[in-house]
Protein backbone atom coordinates (compact mmCIF):
# COMPACT_ATOMS: atom_id res chain seq x y z
CA MET A 1 -30.49 24.26 -35.04
CA LYS A 2 -29.32 21.77 -37.20
CA SER A 3 -25.94 23.09 -36.77
CA ARG A 4 -26.19 23.29 -32.64
CA ALA A 5 -27.38 19.37 -33.13
CA ARG A 6 -24.28 18.50 -35.66
CA PHE A 7 -22.04 20.18 -32.84
CA GLY A 8 -23.40 18.39 -29.97
CA ALA A 9 -23.44 14.92 -31.87
CA ALA A 10 -19.51 15.90 -32.74
CA PHE A 11 -18.83 17.04 -29.30
CA LEU A 12 -20.31 13.82 -27.75
CA GLY A 13 -18.42 11.59 -30.63
CA ILE A 14 -14.62 13.28 -29.21
CA LEU A 15 -16.04 12.71 -25.58
CA ALA A 16 -16.48 9.04 -26.41
CA THR A 17 -13.22 8.52 -28.28
CA THR A 18 -11.47 10.39 -25.52
CA LEU A 19 -12.64 8.45 -22.74
CA GLY A 20 -12.29 5.17 -24.75
CA LEU A 21 -8.59 6.36 -24.97
CA SER A 22 -8.29 7.30 -21.57
CA ALA A 23 -9.59 3.92 -20.49
CA CYS A 24 -6.93 1.88 -22.71
CA ALA A 25 -4.16 4.26 -20.99
CA GLU A 26 -5.71 2.92 -17.81
CA LYS A 27 -5.64 -0.88 -18.40
CA GLU A 28 -1.91 -0.31 -19.30
CA GLU A 29 -0.79 -4.10 -18.65
CA ARG A 30 2.17 -4.98 -15.83
CA GLY A 31 5.16 -7.01 -17.88
CA TYR A 32 6.16 -7.91 -14.31
CA GLU A 33 4.42 -10.44 -12.07
CA ILE A 34 3.00 -9.20 -8.67
CA PRO A 35 5.13 -11.00 -6.07
CA SER A 36 4.00 -13.39 -3.20
CA SER A 37 6.47 -11.66 -1.14
CA LEU A 38 7.75 -8.52 -0.12
CA CYS A 39 11.48 -8.52 0.71
CA GLY A 40 11.11 -12.18 2.37
CA THR A 41 8.01 -11.28 4.12
CA ALA A 42 5.18 -13.57 2.10
CA ILE A 43 1.97 -11.57 1.09
CA GLN A 44 -1.42 -12.53 -0.97
CA ALA A 45 -0.60 -11.19 -4.68
CA GLU A 46 -4.23 -10.32 -4.82
CA THR A 47 -3.89 -7.92 -1.91
CA LEU A 48 -0.85 -6.33 -3.28
CA LYS A 49 -2.17 -6.19 -6.93
CA PRO A 50 -4.28 -2.72 -6.38
CA LEU A 51 -0.99 -1.08 -4.81
CA MET A 52 1.20 -1.84 -7.62
CA PRO A 53 0.99 0.29 -11.52
CA PRO A 54 1.48 -0.95 -14.63
CA GLY A 55 4.95 -0.82 -16.05
CA LYS A 56 7.77 -3.46 -17.51
CA GLU A 57 9.79 -4.21 -14.41
CA MET A 58 9.73 -4.17 -10.73
CA ASN A 59 12.31 -4.81 -8.49
CA THR A 60 12.61 -4.18 -4.48
CA GLU A 61 15.23 -3.24 -2.16
CA THR A 62 15.63 -4.10 1.74
CA SER A 63 16.93 -1.82 4.41
CA SER A 64 17.49 -2.06 8.20
CA LEU A 65 19.28 1.42 8.91
CA VAL A 66 17.21 2.27 12.14
CA GLU A 67 17.56 -0.84 14.80
CA GLY A 68 14.29 -2.39 14.77
CA VAL A 69 13.13 -1.20 11.61
CA LYS A 70 13.16 -3.54 8.23
CA ARG A 71 12.01 -1.58 5.61
CA CYS A 72 11.14 -2.82 2.00
CA ARG A 73 10.80 -0.52 -1.32
CA VAL A 74 9.15 -1.46 -4.27
CA PHE A 75 10.19 0.11 -7.52
CA VAL A 76 8.59 -0.27 -10.91
CA ASP A 77 10.46 0.70 -13.90
CA GLY A 78 12.41 2.72 -11.22
CA ASP A 79 10.41 4.72 -9.72
CA GLN A 80 9.63 3.95 -5.89
CA VAL A 81 6.21 3.01 -5.94
CA LEU A 82 5.60 1.66 -2.45
CA SER A 83 7.45 1.32 1.00
CA ALA A 84 6.48 -1.25 3.51
CA SER A 85 7.76 -1.60 6.99
CA ILE A 86 7.90 -4.18 9.54
CA ASP A 87 8.54 -1.74 13.06
CA TRP A 88 9.37 -3.08 16.46
CA ARG A 89 8.14 -0.02 18.94
CA GLU A 90 8.64 0.51 22.69
CA GLU A 91 6.11 -1.41 24.22
CA GLY A 92 2.65 0.36 25.67
CA GLN A 93 3.34 2.56 22.40
CA SER A 94 -0.04 3.03 21.15
CA LEU A 95 -1.25 2.98 17.41
CA THR A 96 -2.11 6.42 17.52
CA ASP A 97 1.55 7.00 19.06
CA ALA A 98 3.27 4.89 16.36
CA ALA A 99 1.54 6.22 13.44
CA SER A 100 2.34 9.90 14.36
CA LEU A 101 6.11 9.18 13.80
CA VAL A 102 5.25 7.31 10.28
CA PRO A 103 5.40 9.93 7.23
CA GLY A 104 2.15 9.37 5.14
CA VAL A 105 0.21 8.00 8.09
CA ASP A 106 -1.80 10.34 10.23
CA PRO A 107 -3.49 9.70 13.94
CA GLY A 108 -6.49 11.24 12.70
CA ASP A 109 -6.73 8.68 9.65
CA LYS A 110 -9.19 5.88 9.51
CA GLU A 111 -9.18 3.35 12.09
CA THR A 112 -11.15 -0.20 11.98
CA ASP A 113 -13.59 -1.01 14.23
CA ASP A 114 -10.81 -3.27 16.42
CA GLY A 115 -8.49 -0.81 16.79
CA HIS A 116 -5.56 -2.26 15.25
CA TYR A 117 -5.36 -0.49 11.69
CA LEU A 118 -5.38 3.16 10.66
CA TYR A 119 -5.17 3.68 7.03
CA SER A 120 -5.79 6.61 4.61
CA ALA A 121 -5.94 6.41 0.37
CA PHE A 122 -2.04 5.86 0.40
CA GLY A 123 -0.75 5.00 3.68
CA ALA A 124 -1.56 2.82 6.60
CA ILE A 125 -0.39 1.18 9.83
CA GLY A 126 -1.06 -1.90 11.67
CA GLU A 127 -0.55 -3.57 15.04
CA VAL A 128 0.92 -7.11 14.70
CA ALA A 129 -0.67 -9.53 16.91
CA CYS A 130 2.63 -11.67 18.13
CA PRO A 131 1.90 -14.80 19.59
CA ASN A 132 5.30 -15.42 20.86
CA PRO A 133 7.19 -12.13 19.79
CA ARG A 134 11.20 -12.34 19.16
CA LYS A 135 11.34 -9.22 21.05
CA PRO A 136 9.05 -9.87 23.97
CA ASP A 137 9.82 -6.02 25.33
CA ARG A 138 8.62 -4.54 22.02
CA LYS A 139 5.61 -4.08 20.47
CA LEU A 140 5.29 -4.90 16.67
CA PHE A 141 3.91 -2.47 13.92
CA VAL A 142 3.51 -2.75 9.90
CA THR A 143 3.20 -0.13 7.92
CA ALA A 144 2.60 0.81 4.01
CA LEU A 145 3.05 3.85 2.11
CA SER A 146 2.35 4.19 -1.74
CA ARG A 147 2.90 7.48 -3.59
CA GLU A 148 0.23 9.98 -2.99
CA ASP A 149 -0.20 10.68 -6.70
CA GLU A 150 -0.66 6.91 -7.60
CA ALA A 151 -2.74 6.78 -4.28
CA PRO A 152 -4.67 3.04 -4.50
CA GLY A 153 -7.62 4.15 -2.35
CA GLU A 154 -8.74 3.67 1.30
CA ALA A 155 -10.17 0.04 0.50
CA ALA A 156 -7.12 -1.33 -1.06
CA MET A 157 -4.71 0.06 1.78
CA LYS A 158 -6.70 -1.59 4.42
CA GLU A 159 -6.96 -4.69 3.03
CA PHE A 160 -3.09 -4.15 2.16
CA ILE A 161 -1.98 -3.55 6.06
CA ALA A 162 -4.44 -6.15 7.62
CA ALA A 163 -3.08 -8.87 5.41
CA TYR A 164 0.56 -7.86 6.30
CA ALA A 165 0.25 -7.82 9.66
CA GLU A 166 -1.49 -11.10 9.83
CA THR A 167 1.39 -12.77 7.55
CA VAL A 168 4.03 -11.03 9.92
CA ALA A 169 2.25 -12.35 12.90
CA LYS A 170 2.92 -15.81 11.32
CA SER A 171 6.63 -15.01 10.61
CA ASP A 172 9.85 -15.68 12.47
CA GLU A 173 9.23 -12.08 13.89
CA CYS A 174 6.62 -13.77 16.24
CA THR A 175 7.34 -17.34 16.59
């Protein structure tokens, strides 16, 4: 009976040590500052923070390979960790229509009560309410996609896409 108790105590000790070490690993720090903009588009750092993994160095890359799409890729230590875009689509296109054309976002993902956003643990799309759109014959959407293996979670993606859409609505795209 004593050997069983010693084994149990030893097992619990090893388990506690392992959990403690993995908790330390999870608390790796960022050697970079969370930006207040994504490729020139303002964003609240607090909504971006949950999407950003630990690492030493962060940089961004802007591309506009497709007419009407401005994409921002975010890299940490050389690995792409996030892609966000501002995307002008045909007028009349619904959120689910637009979602079906975005890799990593599915028309069946969770939808907000107001019907403006679809999101999952690693991808999201949002409809931007433009008061004065730069392209009046088009509809504006924003998207975000994180690495699936480092998914920030549904709540983080939902919060980020809503904040990103709100910021874009106040940008040159919509004023």
